[in-house]
Amino acid sequence: MAKLISKTYGEALFQLAIEEDRADAFMEEIAGLRKILTENQEFGRFMNHPKILKEEKTEVLEKVFRGRISQELLGFLVLIVAKDRYGEVETILDYFLAEIKKYKGIGTAYVTTASGLRKEQQARIEQKLLETTGYKKMEMHYAVDESLIGGMVIRIGDRVVDSSIKTKLTELTKQLLKIQLA
């Protein structure tokens, strides 16, 4: 049910951004809003509290966000409060951001290596991913996991390419355990 709600409202917000030709502006604004909401969990608890009236929640939204976010986005927040959907606001905004990125051809890659990468190595990896995935732009996220020993793990969406030495050793161990000694 939550997935349907986030898709319905996120899709409506996406269509508004496209119709208004403000995809970039909405994407930037919603990414900022998403960050603010994540950092302020108490605000979320207030907005989701069942004993606080919708009118009070709307008033707080108006005071907090008027002049700081676009009128369309503020109206959207007021709408989801009116429809008792504020509990899904983060998934709605995440759905919207994913749709905008898909529309604009932006991929998100998570690269984990055994040691830190230099800037030129990161640039080569990003360029190779752009060439092989068909995306126009990549959002790159790098992490270090020393347990990989060497190599790297790249995740884009639900696709994973694991060329780490750790995985290769695990696979080799499995193969060796299958060998029957006479």
C-alpha atoms as a PDB file:
ATOM      1  CA  MET A   1       0.000   0.000   0.000  1.00  0.00           C
ATOM      2  CA  ALA A   2       2.791   2.440   0.914  1.00  0.00           C
ATOM      3  CA  LYS A   3       4.438   1.815  -2.444  1.00  0.00           C
ATOM      4  CA  LEU A   4       1.190   2.623  -4.259  1.00  0.00           C
ATOM      5  CA  ILE A   5       0.805   5.829  -2.243  1.00  0.00           C
ATOM      6  CA  SER A   6       4.358   6.970  -2.941  1.00  0.00           C
ATOM      7  CA  LYS A   7       3.941   6.145  -6.643  1.00  0.00           C
ATOM      8  CA  THR A   8       0.607   7.973  -6.940  1.00  0.00           C
ATOM      9  CA  TYR A   9       1.707  11.172  -5.194  1.00  0.00           C
ATOM     10  CA  GLY A  10       5.283  11.034  -6.497  1.00  0.00           C
ATOM     11  CA  GLU A  11       4.007  10.604 -10.048  1.00  0.00           C
ATOM     12  CA  ALA A  12       1.661  13.595  -9.630  1.00  0.00           C
ATOM     13  CA  LEU A  13       4.561  15.729  -8.423  1.00  0.00           C
ATOM     14  CA  PHE A  14       6.719  14.467 -11.301  1.00  0.00           C
ATOM     15  CA  GLN A  15       4.023  15.336 -13.874  1.00  0.00           C
ATOM     16  CA  LEU A  16       3.703  18.819 -12.368  1.00  0.00           C
ATOM     17  CA  ALA A  17       7.468  19.353 -12.652  1.00  0.00           C
ATOM     18  CA  ILE A  18       7.459  18.253 -16.301  1.00  0.00           C
ATOM     19  CA  GLU A  19       4.356  20.281 -17.235  1.00  0.00           C
ATOM     20  CA  GLU A  20       5.768  23.399 -15.574  1.00  0.00           C
ATOM     21  CA  ASP A  21       9.158  22.722 -17.245  1.00  0.00           C
ATOM     22  CA  ARG A  22      10.785  22.952 -13.808  1.00  0.00           C
ATOM     23  CA  ALA A  23      12.302  19.493 -13.448  1.00  0.00           C
ATOM     24  CA  ASP A  24      15.732  20.832 -12.453  1.00  0.00           C
ATOM     25  CA  ALA A  25      14.332  23.358  -9.982  1.00  0.00           C
ATOM     26  CA  PHE A  26      12.009  20.787  -8.383  1.00  0.00           C
ATOM     27  CA  MET A  27      14.785  18.209  -8.207  1.00  0.00           C
ATOM     28  CA  GLU A  28      17.104  20.608  -6.396  1.00  0.00           C
ATOM     29  CA  GLU A  29      14.364  21.882  -4.091  1.00  0.00           C
ATOM     30  CA  ILE A  30      13.094  18.424  -3.196  1.00  0.00           C
ATOM     31  CA  ALA A  31      16.597  17.071  -2.582  1.00  0.00           C
ATOM     32  CA  GLY A  32      17.101  19.947  -0.120  1.00  0.00           C
ATOM     33  CA  LEU A  33      13.706  19.376   1.489  1.00  0.00           C
ATOM     34  CA  ARG A  34      14.409  15.653   1.774  1.00  0.00           C
ATOM     35  CA  LYS A  35      17.665  16.424   3.582  1.00  0.00           C
ATOM     36  CA  ILE A  36      15.948  18.835   5.984  1.00  0.00           C
ATOM     37  CA  LEU A  37      13.219  16.316   6.814  1.00  0.00           C
ATOM     38  CA  THR A  38      15.783  13.563   7.414  1.00  0.00           C
ATOM     39  CA  GLU A  39      17.807  15.780   9.748  1.00  0.00           C
ATOM     40  CA  ASN A  40      14.735  16.921  11.725  1.00  0.00           C
ATOM     41  CA  GLN A  41      13.034  13.755  12.930  1.00  0.00           C
ATOM     42  CA  GLU A  42      11.103  15.664  15.621  1.00  0.00           C
ATOM     43  CA  PHE A  43       9.315  17.647  12.918  1.00  0.00           C
ATOM     44  CA  GLY A  44       8.209  14.361  11.345  1.00  0.00           C
ATOM     45  CA  ARG A  45       6.945  13.047  14.677  1.00  0.00           C
ATOM     46  CA  PHE A  46       4.939  16.261  15.143  1.00  0.00           C
ATOM     47  CA  MET A  47       3.464  16.037  11.635  1.00  0.00           C
ATOM     48  CA  ASN A  48       2.517  12.383  12.155  1.00  0.00           C
ATOM     49  CA  HIS A  49       1.047  12.789  15.644  1.00  0.00           C
ATOM     50  CA  PRO A  50      -2.571  11.600  15.522  1.00  0.00           C
ATOM     51  CA  LYS A  51      -3.836  14.017  18.199  1.00  0.00           C
ATOM     52  CA  ILE A  52      -2.637  17.153  16.425  1.00  0.00           C
ATOM     53  CA  LEU A  53      -5.279  18.596  14.119  1.00  0.00           C
ATOM     54  CA  LYS A  54      -4.633  18.836  10.384  1.00  0.00           C
ATOM     55  CA  GLU A  55      -5.277  22.577  10.562  1.00  0.00           C
ATOM     56  CA  GLU A  56      -2.481  22.989  13.124  1.00  0.00           C
ATOM     57  CA  LYS A  57      -0.116  20.908  10.995  1.00  0.00           C
ATOM     58  CA  THR A  58      -0.972  23.002   7.928  1.00  0.00           C
ATOM     59  CA  GLU A  59      -0.362  26.191   9.905  1.00  0.00           C
ATOM     60  CA  VAL A  60       3.069  24.910  10.980  1.00  0.00           C
ATOM     61  CA  LEU A  61       3.922  23.972   7.370  1.00  0.00           C
ATOM     62  CA  GLU A  62       2.963  27.472   6.255  1.00  0.00           C
ATOM     63  CA  LYS A  63       5.066  29.144   8.976  1.00  0.00           C
ATOM     64  CA  VAL A  64       8.096  26.923   8.449  1.00  0.00           C
ATOM     65  CA  PHE A  65       8.207  26.727   4.656  1.00  0.00           C
ATOM     66  CA  ARG A  66       6.443  29.813   3.194  1.00  0.00           C
ATOM     67  CA  GLY A  67       9.008  31.786   1.229  1.00  0.00           C
ATOM     68  CA  ARG A  68      11.605  29.045   1.635  1.00  0.00           C
ATOM     69  CA  ILE A  69      10.189  26.564  -0.875  1.00  0.00           C
ATOM     70  CA  SER A  70       8.098  27.048  -3.997  1.00  0.00           C
ATOM     71  CA  GLN A  71       4.368  27.604  -3.700  1.00  0.00           C
ATOM     72  CA  GLU A  72       3.761  24.351  -5.639  1.00  0.00           C
ATOM     73  CA  LEU A  73       5.817  22.265  -3.233  1.00  0.00           C
ATOM     74  CA  LEU A  74       4.255  23.922  -0.195  1.00  0.00           C
ATOM     75  CA  GLY A  75       0.814  23.224  -1.666  1.00  0.00           C
ATOM     76  CA  PHE A  76       1.860  19.632  -2.204  1.00  0.00           C
ATOM     77  CA  LEU A  77       2.905  19.266   1.458  1.00  0.00           C
ATOM     78  CA  VAL A  78      -0.392  20.788   2.576  1.00  0.00           C
ATOM     79  CA  LEU A  79      -2.245  18.318   0.327  1.00  0.00           C
ATOM     80  CA  ILE A  80      -0.529  15.258   1.761  1.00  0.00           C
ATOM     81  CA  VAL A  81      -1.278  16.493   5.290  1.00  0.00           C
ATOM     82  CA  ALA A  82      -4.933  17.002   4.326  1.00  0.00           C
ATOM     83  CA  LYS A  83      -5.077  13.461   2.924  1.00  0.00           C
ATOM     84  CA  ASP A  84      -3.348  11.946   5.999  1.00  0.00           C
ATOM     85  CA  ARG A  85      -0.343  10.891   3.918  1.00  0.00           C
ATOM     86  CA  TYR A  86       2.432  12.814   5.660  1.00  0.00           C
ATOM     87  CA  GLY A  87       3.796   9.528   7.023  1.00  0.00           C
ATOM     88  CA  GLU A  88       4.725   8.665   3.429  1.00  0.00           C
ATOM     89  CA  VAL A  89       6.362  12.015   2.602  1.00  0.00           C
ATOM     90  CA  GLU A  90       9.904  10.639   2.466  1.00  0.00           C
ATOM     91  CA  THR A  91       9.001   7.737   0.171  1.00  0.00           C
ATOM     92  CA  ILE A  92       6.962  10.097  -2.027  1.00  0.00           C
ATOM     93  CA  LEU A  93       9.901  12.476  -2.365  1.00  0.00           C
ATOM     94  CA  ASP A  94      12.282   9.547  -2.994  1.00  0.00           C
ATOM     95  CA  TYR A  95       9.965   8.255  -5.736  1.00  0.00           C
ATOM     96  CA  PHE A  96       9.870  11.718  -7.302  1.00  0.00           C
ATOM     97  CA  LEU A  97      13.670  12.051  -7.231  1.00  0.00           C
ATOM     98  CA  ALA A  98      14.087   8.599  -8.801  1.00  0.00           C
ATOM     99  CA  GLU A  99      11.636   9.482 -11.604  1.00  0.00           C
ATOM    100  CA  ILE A 100      13.334  12.806 -12.321  1.00  0.00           C
ATOM    101  CA  LYS A 101      16.736  11.104 -12.441  1.00  0.00           C
ATOM    102  CA  LYS A 102      15.356   8.482 -14.822  1.00  0.00           C
ATOM    103  CA  TYR A 103      13.811  11.223 -16.983  1.00  0.00           C
ATOM    104  CA  LYS A 104      17.091  13.164 -17.102  1.00  0.00           C
ATOM    105  CA  GLY A 105      19.266  10.075 -17.647  1.00  0.00           C
ATOM    106  CA  ILE A 106      21.076  10.306 -14.330  1.00  0.00           C
ATOM    107  CA  GLY A 107      22.349   7.073 -12.819  1.00  0.00           C
ATOM    108  CA  THR A 108      23.510   6.512  -9.259  1.00  0.00           C
ATOM    109  CA  ALA A 109      26.521   4.286  -8.682  1.00  0.00           C
ATOM    110  CA  TYR A 110      27.890   3.010  -5.395  1.00  0.00           C
ATOM    111  CA  VAL A 111      31.532   1.982  -5.697  1.00  0.00           C
ATOM    112  CA  THR A 112      33.243   0.193  -2.826  1.00  0.00           C
ATOM    113  CA  THR A 113      36.963  -0.471  -2.921  1.00  0.00           C
ATOM    114  CA  ALA A 114      39.525  -1.937  -0.531  1.00  0.00           C
ATOM    115  CA  SER A 115      41.394   1.376  -0.353  1.00  0.00           C
ATOM    116  CA  GLY A 116      40.656   4.965  -1.286  1.00  0.00           C
ATOM    117  CA  LEU A 117      40.746   6.003  -4.935  1.00  0.00           C
ATOM    118  CA  ARG A 118      42.575   8.989  -6.386  1.00  0.00           C
ATOM    119  CA  LYS A 119      40.560  11.595  -8.313  1.00  0.00           C
ATOM    120  CA  GLU A 120      41.833  10.359 -11.678  1.00  0.00           C
ATOM    121  CA  GLN A 121      40.841   6.774 -10.812  1.00  0.00           C
ATOM    122  CA  GLN A 122      37.365   7.974  -9.839  1.00  0.00           C
ATOM    123  CA  ALA A 123      37.097   9.915 -13.096  1.00  0.00           C
ATOM    124  CA  ARG A 124      38.074   6.822 -15.140  1.00  0.00           C
ATOM    125  CA  ILE A 125      35.510   4.673 -13.313  1.00  0.00           C
ATOM    126  CA  GLU A 126      32.783   7.266 -13.857  1.00  0.00           C
ATOM    127  CA  GLN A 127      33.676   7.590 -17.545  1.00  0.00           C
ATOM    128  CA  LYS A 128      33.637   3.805 -18.019  1.00  0.00           C
ATOM    129  CA  LEU A 129      30.229   3.566 -16.316  1.00  0.00           C
ATOM    130  CA  LEU A 130      28.840   6.320 -18.543  1.00  0.00           C
ATOM    131  CA  GLU A 131      30.105   4.460 -21.627  1.00  0.00           C
ATOM    132  CA  THR A 132      28.691   1.088 -20.574  1.00  0.00           C
ATOM    133  CA  THR A 133      25.360   2.050 -18.984  1.00  0.00           C
ATOM    134  CA  GLY A 134      23.831   4.573 -21.360  1.00  0.00           C
ATOM    135  CA  TYR A 135      23.313   7.188 -18.633  1.00  0.00           C
ATOM    136  CA  LYS A 136      24.069  10.823 -19.500  1.00  0.00           C
ATOM    137  CA  LYS A 137      25.387  11.602 -16.033  1.00  0.00           C
ATOM    138  CA  MET A 138      26.356   9.588 -12.957  1.00  0.00           C
ATOM    139  CA  GLU A 139      26.024  10.405  -9.284  1.00  0.00           C
ATOM    140  CA  MET A 140      28.994   8.651  -7.780  1.00  0.00           C
ATOM    141  CA  HIS A 141      29.213   7.449  -4.176  1.00  0.00           C
ATOM    142  CA  TYR A 142      32.518   5.985  -3.032  1.00  0.00           C
ATOM    143  CA  ALA A 143      33.193   3.887   0.061  1.00  0.00           C
ATOM    144  CA  VAL A 144      36.138   1.949   1.423  1.00  0.00           C
ATOM    145  CA  ASP A 145      35.833  -1.587   2.811  1.00  0.00           C
ATOM    146  CA  GLU A 146      39.227  -3.048   3.643  1.00  0.00           C
ATOM    147  CA  SER A 147      37.727  -6.545   3.930  1.00  0.00           C
ATOM    148  CA  LEU A 148      37.469  -6.632   0.109  1.00  0.00           C
ATOM    149  CA  ILE A 149      41.270  -7.062   0.045  1.00  0.00           C
ATOM    150  CA  GLY A 150      41.394  -5.691  -3.517  1.00  0.00           C
ATOM    151  CA  GLY A 151      39.210  -5.032  -6.540  1.00  0.00           C
ATOM    152  CA  MET A 152      35.853  -3.290  -6.258  1.00  0.00           C
ATOM    153  CA  VAL A 153      32.111  -3.725  -5.976  1.00  0.00           C
ATOM    154  CA  ILE A 154      29.880  -1.496  -8.115  1.00  0.00           C
ATOM    155  CA  ARG A 155      26.138  -1.234  -7.529  1.00  0.00           C
ATOM    156  CA  ILE A 156      23.798   0.626  -9.868  1.00  0.00           C
ATOM    157  CA  GLY A 157      20.159   0.104  -8.972  1.00  0.00           C
ATOM    158  CA  ASP A 158      19.613  -3.628  -8.548  1.00  0.00           C
ATOM    159  CA  ARG A 159      22.696  -4.562 -10.607  1.00  0.00           C
ATOM    160  CA  VAL A 160      25.924  -5.478  -8.821  1.00  0.00           C
ATOM    161  CA  VAL A 161      29.324  -6.145 -10.329  1.00  0.00           C
ATOM    162  CA  ASP A 162      31.601  -7.698  -7.728  1.00  0.00           C
ATOM    163  CA  SER A 163      35.227  -8.074  -8.776  1.00  0.00           C
ATOM    164  CA  SER A 164      36.626  -8.031  -5.250  1.00  0.00           C
ATOM    165  CA  ILE A 165      39.344 -10.432  -4.212  1.00  0.00           C
ATOM    166  CA  LYS A 166      37.252 -11.351  -1.171  1.00  0.00           C
ATOM    167  CA  THR A 167      34.460 -12.669  -3.425  1.00  0.00           C
ATOM    168  CA  LYS A 168      36.909 -14.453  -5.704  1.00  0.00           C
ATOM    169  CA  LEU A 169      38.492 -16.179  -2.680  1.00  0.00           C
ATOM    170  CA  THR A 170      35.046 -17.162  -1.384  1.00  0.00           C
ATOM    171  CA  GLU A 171      34.142 -18.666  -4.766  1.00  0.00           C
ATOM    172  CA  LEU A 172      37.473 -20.487  -4.961  1.00  0.00           C
ATOM    173  CA  THR A 173      36.905 -21.890  -1.460  1.00  0.00           C
ATOM    174  CA  LYS A 174      33.461 -23.169  -2.475  1.00  0.00           C
ATOM    175  CA  GLN A 175      34.909 -24.847  -5.568  1.00  0.00           C
ATOM    176  CA  LEU A 176      37.711 -26.448  -3.577  1.00  0.00           C
ATOM    177  CA  LEU A 177      35.239 -27.783  -0.997  1.00  0.00           C
ATOM    178  CA  LYS A 178      33.265 -29.491  -3.786  1.00  0.00           C
ATOM    179  CA  ILE A 179      36.307 -31.480  -4.931  1.00  0.00           C
ATOM    180  CA  GLN A 180      36.180 -35.028  -3.664  1.00  0.00           C
ATOM    181  CA  LEU A 181      39.528 -36.428  -2.688  1.00  0.00           C
ATOM    182  CA  ALA A 182      39.895 -40.151  -3.290  1.00  0.00           C
END
